[in-house]
N, C-alpha and C. Protein backbone atom coordinates (compact mmCIF):
# COMPACT_ATOMS: atom_id res chain seq x y z
N MET A 1 -7.11 -7.64 -14.05
CA MET A 1 -5.76 -8.05 -13.75
C MET A 1 -5.71 -8.88 -12.46
N PHE A 2 -6.33 -8.39 -11.40
CA PHE A 2 -6.33 -9.14 -10.14
C PHE A 2 -7.72 -9.73 -9.92
N ALA A 3 -7.78 -11.03 -9.80
CA ALA A 3 -9.06 -11.73 -9.70
C ALA A 3 -9.71 -11.57 -8.32
N THR A 4 -8.90 -11.27 -7.29
CA THR A 4 -9.42 -11.10 -5.94
C THR A 4 -8.75 -9.90 -5.27
N PRO A 5 -9.37 -9.36 -4.23
CA PRO A 5 -8.72 -8.28 -3.49
C PRO A 5 -7.41 -8.76 -2.84
N ASP A 6 -7.37 -10.02 -2.41
CA ASP A 6 -6.15 -10.56 -1.81
C ASP A 6 -5.00 -10.59 -2.80
N GLU A 7 -5.29 -10.91 -4.06
CA GLU A 7 -4.24 -10.87 -5.10
C GLU A 7 -3.71 -9.45 -5.27
N ALA A 8 -4.61 -8.48 -5.26
CA ALA A 8 -4.19 -7.08 -5.40
C ALA A 8 -3.35 -6.68 -4.19
N GLU A 9 -3.76 -7.08 -3.01
CA GLU A 9 -3.01 -6.73 -1.80
C GLU A 9 -1.61 -7.37 -1.81
N ASN A 10 -1.53 -8.63 -2.21
CA ASN A 10 -0.22 -9.28 -2.30
C ASN A 10 0.68 -8.57 -3.30
N ALA A 11 0.12 -8.16 -4.43
CA ALA A 11 0.90 -7.44 -5.44
C ALA A 11 1.36 -6.08 -4.91
N PHE A 12 0.50 -5.42 -4.14
CA PHE A 12 0.86 -4.12 -3.54
C PHE A 12 2.09 -4.27 -2.65
N TYR A 13 2.06 -5.25 -1.74
CA TYR A 13 3.17 -5.39 -0.80
C TYR A 13 4.43 -5.96 -1.46
N THR A 14 4.27 -6.73 -2.52
CA THR A 14 5.44 -7.18 -3.28
C THR A 14 6.10 -6.00 -3.98
N ALA A 15 5.30 -5.14 -4.60
CA ALA A 15 5.84 -3.94 -5.25
C ALA A 15 6.50 -3.02 -4.22
N PHE A 16 5.88 -2.89 -3.06
CA PHE A 16 6.41 -2.06 -1.98
C PHE A 16 7.79 -2.58 -1.56
N ALA A 17 7.91 -3.88 -1.34
CA ALA A 17 9.17 -4.48 -0.90
C ALA A 17 10.27 -4.38 -1.96
N ASN A 18 9.86 -4.39 -3.23
CA ASN A 18 10.83 -4.37 -4.33
C ASN A 18 11.10 -2.98 -4.89
N ASN A 19 10.49 -1.94 -4.29
CA ASN A 19 10.63 -0.58 -4.82
C ASN A 19 10.32 -0.53 -6.31
N ASP A 20 9.25 -1.20 -6.73
CA ASP A 20 8.90 -1.34 -8.14
C ASP A 20 7.69 -0.45 -8.46
N LEU A 21 7.96 0.72 -9.02
CA LEU A 21 6.91 1.69 -9.28
C LEU A 21 5.87 1.18 -10.28
N ASP A 22 6.31 0.54 -11.36
CA ASP A 22 5.35 0.06 -12.36
C ASP A 22 4.42 -1.00 -11.75
N ALA A 23 4.98 -1.91 -10.98
CA ALA A 23 4.16 -2.94 -10.33
C ALA A 23 3.23 -2.31 -9.30
N MET A 24 3.72 -1.30 -8.58
CA MET A 24 2.89 -0.61 -7.59
C MET A 24 1.69 0.02 -8.27
N MET A 25 1.93 0.74 -9.36
CA MET A 25 0.84 1.47 -10.00
C MET A 25 -0.11 0.54 -10.76
N ALA A 26 0.33 -0.67 -11.07
CA ALA A 26 -0.57 -1.65 -11.68
C ALA A 26 -1.66 -2.08 -10.70
N VAL A 27 -1.40 -1.93 -9.40
CA VAL A 27 -2.38 -2.29 -8.37
C VAL A 27 -3.45 -1.20 -8.24
N TRP A 28 -3.06 0.04 -8.44
CA TRP A 28 -3.96 1.17 -8.22
C TRP A 28 -4.97 1.33 -9.36
N SER A 29 -6.18 1.72 -8.99
CA SER A 29 -7.18 2.11 -9.98
C SER A 29 -6.65 3.35 -10.70
N ASP A 30 -6.86 3.42 -12.00
CA ASP A 30 -6.27 4.52 -12.76
C ASP A 30 -7.22 5.69 -12.94
N ASP A 31 -7.93 6.06 -11.87
CA ASP A 31 -8.81 7.21 -11.95
C ASP A 31 -8.41 8.25 -10.90
N GLU A 32 -9.09 9.36 -10.92
CA GLU A 32 -8.72 10.48 -10.06
C GLU A 32 -9.31 10.38 -8.65
N GLU A 33 -10.10 9.36 -8.38
CA GLU A 33 -10.71 9.23 -7.06
C GLU A 33 -9.85 8.43 -6.08
N VAL A 34 -8.64 8.06 -6.45
CA VAL A 34 -7.77 7.32 -5.54
C VAL A 34 -7.09 8.28 -4.58
N SER A 35 -6.74 7.77 -3.38
CA SER A 35 -5.99 8.59 -2.43
C SER A 35 -5.07 7.72 -1.60
N CYS A 36 -3.99 8.37 -1.15
CA CYS A 36 -2.94 7.69 -0.41
C CYS A 36 -2.48 8.60 0.73
N ILE A 37 -2.37 8.04 1.92
CA ILE A 37 -1.92 8.79 3.08
C ILE A 37 -0.85 7.97 3.78
N HIS A 38 0.36 8.52 3.83
CA HIS A 38 1.46 7.86 4.52
C HIS A 38 1.58 8.45 5.92
N PRO A 39 2.17 7.71 6.86
CA PRO A 39 2.27 8.20 8.25
C PRO A 39 2.88 9.60 8.34
N GLY A 40 2.16 10.50 9.02
CA GLY A 40 2.64 11.84 9.25
C GLY A 40 2.61 12.75 8.03
N ARG A 41 1.99 12.31 6.96
CA ARG A 41 1.95 13.12 5.74
C ARG A 41 0.52 13.48 5.37
N ALA A 42 0.41 14.47 4.49
CA ALA A 42 -0.91 14.89 4.00
C ALA A 42 -1.45 13.88 2.99
N ARG A 43 -2.74 13.94 2.78
CA ARG A 43 -3.38 13.08 1.79
C ARG A 43 -2.97 13.50 0.38
N VAL A 44 -2.70 12.50 -0.44
CA VAL A 44 -2.40 12.70 -1.86
C VAL A 44 -3.57 12.09 -2.63
N ALA A 45 -4.17 12.86 -3.53
CA ALA A 45 -5.34 12.38 -4.27
C ALA A 45 -5.11 12.49 -5.76
N GLY A 46 -5.60 11.49 -6.48
CA GLY A 46 -5.48 11.44 -7.93
C GLY A 46 -4.34 10.53 -8.35
N TYR A 47 -4.56 9.82 -9.43
CA TYR A 47 -3.60 8.81 -9.89
C TYR A 47 -2.20 9.37 -10.09
N GLU A 48 -2.07 10.48 -10.79
CA GLU A 48 -0.73 11.02 -11.09
C GLU A 48 -0.01 11.46 -9.83
N LEU A 49 -0.72 12.07 -8.88
CA LEU A 49 -0.08 12.49 -7.63
C LEU A 49 0.30 11.28 -6.77
N VAL A 50 -0.55 10.26 -6.76
CA VAL A 50 -0.20 9.03 -6.03
C VAL A 50 1.04 8.41 -6.65
N ARG A 51 1.11 8.36 -7.97
CA ARG A 51 2.29 7.81 -8.67
C ARG A 51 3.55 8.61 -8.30
N GLU A 52 3.45 9.92 -8.34
CA GLU A 52 4.59 10.77 -8.01
C GLU A 52 5.05 10.53 -6.56
N ASN A 53 4.08 10.37 -5.66
CA ASN A 53 4.38 10.12 -4.26
C ASN A 53 5.16 8.82 -4.07
N TRP A 54 4.70 7.74 -4.71
CA TRP A 54 5.41 6.46 -4.61
C TRP A 54 6.78 6.54 -5.28
N ALA A 55 6.89 7.28 -6.38
CA ALA A 55 8.18 7.44 -7.05
C ALA A 55 9.19 8.08 -6.10
N GLN A 56 8.77 9.10 -5.35
CA GLN A 56 9.66 9.76 -4.39
C GLN A 56 10.09 8.79 -3.30
N ILE A 57 9.16 8.00 -2.81
CA ILE A 57 9.48 7.02 -1.76
C ILE A 57 10.49 6.01 -2.29
N PHE A 58 10.26 5.49 -3.47
CA PHE A 58 11.15 4.47 -4.02
C PHE A 58 12.52 5.04 -4.37
N LYS A 59 12.59 6.30 -4.76
CA LYS A 59 13.87 6.92 -5.10
C LYS A 59 14.78 7.08 -3.89
N SER A 60 14.19 7.03 -2.69
CA SER A 60 15.00 7.19 -1.48
C SER A 60 16.00 6.04 -1.34
N GLY A 61 15.72 4.92 -2.00
CA GLY A 61 16.62 3.77 -1.93
C GLY A 61 16.47 2.97 -0.65
N GLN A 62 15.60 3.41 0.23
CA GLN A 62 15.39 2.72 1.50
C GLN A 62 14.73 1.37 1.25
N ARG A 63 15.28 0.33 1.83
CA ARG A 63 14.71 -1.01 1.66
C ARG A 63 13.91 -1.37 2.90
N LEU A 64 12.70 -1.87 2.67
CA LEU A 64 11.81 -2.21 3.77
C LEU A 64 11.38 -3.67 3.67
N GLN A 65 11.29 -4.30 4.82
CA GLN A 65 10.63 -5.61 4.90
C GLN A 65 9.35 -5.38 5.67
N VAL A 66 8.24 -5.83 5.11
CA VAL A 66 6.94 -5.61 5.74
C VAL A 66 6.29 -6.96 6.02
N HIS A 67 5.96 -7.17 7.28
CA HIS A 67 5.23 -8.37 7.69
C HIS A 67 3.84 -7.90 8.12
N LEU A 68 2.79 -8.50 7.56
CA LEU A 68 1.42 -8.11 7.86
C LEU A 68 0.87 -8.94 9.01
N SER A 69 0.09 -8.28 9.87
CA SER A 69 -0.55 -9.00 10.97
C SER A 69 -1.88 -8.33 11.30
N ASP A 70 -2.65 -9.00 12.14
CA ASP A 70 -3.92 -8.47 12.65
C ASP A 70 -4.86 -8.00 11.54
N GLN A 71 -4.90 -8.75 10.46
CA GLN A 71 -5.71 -8.35 9.30
C GLN A 71 -7.18 -8.67 9.53
N LEU A 72 -8.02 -7.68 9.25
CA LEU A 72 -9.47 -7.83 9.24
C LEU A 72 -9.97 -7.40 7.87
N ILE A 73 -10.88 -8.18 7.30
CA ILE A 73 -11.38 -7.89 5.96
C ILE A 73 -12.90 -7.85 5.97
N VAL A 74 -13.44 -6.80 5.37
CA VAL A 74 -14.88 -6.70 5.11
C VAL A 74 -14.99 -6.62 3.60
N SER A 75 -15.66 -7.61 3.00
CA SER A 75 -15.66 -7.69 1.55
C SER A 75 -17.04 -8.00 1.01
N GLY A 76 -17.34 -7.39 -0.12
CA GLY A 76 -18.57 -7.66 -0.83
C GLY A 76 -18.25 -7.97 -2.28
N MET A 77 -19.26 -7.91 -3.13
CA MET A 77 -19.05 -8.26 -4.53
C MET A 77 -18.23 -7.20 -5.27
N MET A 78 -18.31 -5.93 -4.83
CA MET A 78 -17.67 -4.84 -5.59
C MET A 78 -16.62 -4.08 -4.79
N PHE A 79 -16.59 -4.27 -3.46
CA PHE A 79 -15.72 -3.46 -2.61
C PHE A 79 -15.14 -4.32 -1.50
N SER A 80 -13.88 -4.08 -1.17
CA SER A 80 -13.23 -4.82 -0.10
C SER A 80 -12.38 -3.87 0.73
N LEU A 81 -12.59 -3.90 2.04
CA LEU A 81 -11.87 -3.03 2.97
C LEU A 81 -11.00 -3.90 3.87
N HIS A 82 -9.69 -3.61 3.88
CA HIS A 82 -8.73 -4.38 4.67
C HIS A 82 -8.10 -3.46 5.71
N THR A 83 -8.18 -3.84 6.98
CA THR A 83 -7.43 -3.14 8.02
C THR A 83 -6.42 -4.12 8.57
N LEU A 84 -5.23 -3.61 8.85
CA LEU A 84 -4.13 -4.49 9.25
C LEU A 84 -3.02 -3.69 9.90
N HIS A 85 -2.05 -4.42 10.43
CA HIS A 85 -0.82 -3.81 10.92
C HIS A 85 0.30 -4.16 9.95
N GLU A 86 1.08 -3.16 9.58
CA GLU A 86 2.31 -3.36 8.83
C GLU A 86 3.44 -3.32 9.85
N ASN A 87 4.12 -4.44 10.04
CA ASN A 87 5.28 -4.52 10.92
C ASN A 87 6.49 -4.32 10.02
N ILE A 88 7.09 -3.15 10.12
CA ILE A 88 8.10 -2.72 9.15
C ILE A 88 9.49 -2.77 9.75
N LEU A 89 10.40 -3.34 9.00
CA LEU A 89 11.82 -3.32 9.33
C LEU A 89 12.52 -2.53 8.23
N VAL A 90 13.12 -1.40 8.60
CA VAL A 90 13.89 -0.60 7.65
C VAL A 90 15.30 -1.17 7.66
N LEU A 91 15.70 -1.74 6.53
CA LEU A 91 16.99 -2.43 6.47
C LEU A 91 18.13 -1.43 6.35
N GLY A 92 19.13 -1.59 7.21
CA GLY A 92 20.32 -0.77 7.15
C GLY A 92 21.36 -1.39 6.25
N ALA A 93 22.38 -0.63 5.93
CA ALA A 93 23.46 -1.11 5.04
C ALA A 93 24.19 -2.30 5.65
N GLN A 94 24.27 -2.36 6.98
CA GLN A 94 24.99 -3.43 7.66
C GLN A 94 24.05 -4.55 8.13
N GLY A 95 22.80 -4.51 7.70
CA GLY A 95 21.81 -5.48 8.18
C GLY A 95 21.10 -4.89 9.38
N GLY A 96 20.05 -5.57 9.83
CA GLY A 96 19.27 -5.04 10.95
C GLY A 96 18.61 -3.75 10.55
N GLY A 97 18.19 -2.97 11.55
CA GLY A 97 17.60 -1.68 11.23
C GLY A 97 16.47 -1.33 12.17
N ALA A 98 15.82 -0.23 11.87
CA ALA A 98 14.74 0.29 12.71
C ALA A 98 13.45 -0.46 12.44
N ARG A 99 12.68 -0.63 13.51
CA ARG A 99 11.38 -1.30 13.41
C ARG A 99 10.27 -0.32 13.77
N SER A 100 9.13 -0.49 13.11
CA SER A 100 7.95 0.29 13.47
C SER A 100 6.70 -0.51 13.11
N VAL A 101 5.60 -0.13 13.74
CA VAL A 101 4.31 -0.75 13.44
C VAL A 101 3.39 0.36 12.94
N VAL A 102 2.73 0.09 11.82
CA VAL A 102 1.84 1.05 11.20
C VAL A 102 0.48 0.39 11.05
N VAL A 103 -0.56 1.10 11.48
CA VAL A 103 -1.92 0.61 11.27
C VAL A 103 -2.39 1.13 9.92
N THR A 104 -2.98 0.25 9.13
CA THR A 104 -3.25 0.56 7.73
C THR A 104 -4.66 0.16 7.33
N THR A 105 -5.24 0.96 6.46
CA THR A 105 -6.49 0.62 5.79
C THR A 105 -6.22 0.64 4.29
N ASN A 106 -6.55 -0.46 3.64
CA ASN A 106 -6.46 -0.57 2.18
C ASN A 106 -7.85 -0.85 1.66
N ALA A 107 -8.27 -0.11 0.65
CA ALA A 107 -9.59 -0.31 0.06
C ALA A 107 -9.43 -0.68 -1.42
N TYR A 108 -10.20 -1.67 -1.84
CA TYR A 108 -10.15 -2.18 -3.21
C TYR A 108 -11.54 -2.14 -3.83
N LEU A 109 -11.58 -1.80 -5.10
CA LEU A 109 -12.83 -1.70 -5.85
C LEU A 109 -12.75 -2.65 -7.04
N ARG A 110 -13.80 -3.38 -7.27
CA ARG A 110 -13.85 -4.28 -8.43
C ARG A 110 -14.35 -3.51 -9.64
N SER A 111 -13.62 -3.62 -10.74
CA SER A 111 -14.00 -2.95 -11.98
C SER A 111 -13.86 -3.93 -13.13
N ALA A 112 -14.05 -3.43 -14.33
CA ALA A 112 -13.91 -4.29 -15.52
C ALA A 112 -12.49 -4.83 -15.65
N SER A 113 -11.51 -4.13 -15.05
CA SER A 113 -10.12 -4.59 -15.12
C SER A 113 -9.69 -5.35 -13.88
N GLY A 114 -10.65 -5.84 -13.10
CA GLY A 114 -10.34 -6.63 -11.90
C GLY A 114 -10.33 -5.76 -10.65
N TRP A 115 -9.80 -6.30 -9.57
CA TRP A 115 -9.74 -5.60 -8.29
C TRP A 115 -8.56 -4.65 -8.30
N ARG A 116 -8.81 -3.40 -7.92
CA ARG A 116 -7.77 -2.37 -7.91
C ARG A 116 -7.87 -1.56 -6.62
N MET A 117 -6.74 -1.09 -6.15
CA MET A 117 -6.69 -0.28 -4.93
C MET A 117 -7.22 1.13 -5.22
N VAL A 118 -8.02 1.65 -4.27
CA VAL A 118 -8.50 3.02 -4.37
C VAL A 118 -8.06 3.86 -3.16
N LEU A 119 -7.58 3.19 -2.10
CA LEU A 119 -7.13 3.91 -0.91
C LEU A 119 -6.07 3.10 -0.18
N HIS A 120 -5.00 3.79 0.21
CA HIS A 120 -4.02 3.25 1.16
C HIS A 120 -3.83 4.34 2.20
N HIS A 121 -4.18 4.04 3.46
CA HIS A 121 -4.05 5.00 4.55
C HIS A 121 -3.28 4.32 5.67
N ALA A 122 -2.11 4.87 5.98
CA ALA A 122 -1.25 4.30 7.01
C ALA A 122 -0.92 5.34 8.06
N SER A 123 -0.97 4.93 9.34
CA SER A 123 -0.67 5.81 10.46
C SER A 123 0.15 5.05 11.48
N HIS A 124 1.04 5.76 12.17
CA HIS A 124 1.80 5.12 13.24
C HIS A 124 0.86 4.70 14.36
N VAL A 125 1.14 3.56 14.96
CA VAL A 125 0.35 3.08 16.09
C VAL A 125 0.71 3.93 17.31
N PRO A 126 -0.29 4.46 17.99
CA PRO A 126 0.00 5.27 19.19
C PRO A 126 0.74 4.43 20.24
N ALA A 127 1.57 5.10 21.02
CA ALA A 127 2.33 4.41 22.08
C ALA A 127 1.38 3.91 23.14
């Protein structure tokens, strides 16, 4: 589905911005070895639990704008590791909103179905 890890990453953040669960899960590898860690939360492992976790986040109705910065990529033929900052704006009903910076690691694995995410780990940047 995704010819490059960058295509998978772009699809991940587009799904994130649009609260689109089906598009989000299309990025993830569909096996039990995937894991997801959101800031201040425990690790969630396995495709179904990761799906349930994203469904809960999207059901909150919270709209986020995410701008990526400080991206570093280590990539090979079968695996790609991306570290970056997510500069997040939580949109309020009246516009504007709260801002935060999250340091993130995204890992992608190449399979017969293209590049797919196997890990998303996000943590708040220390003060």
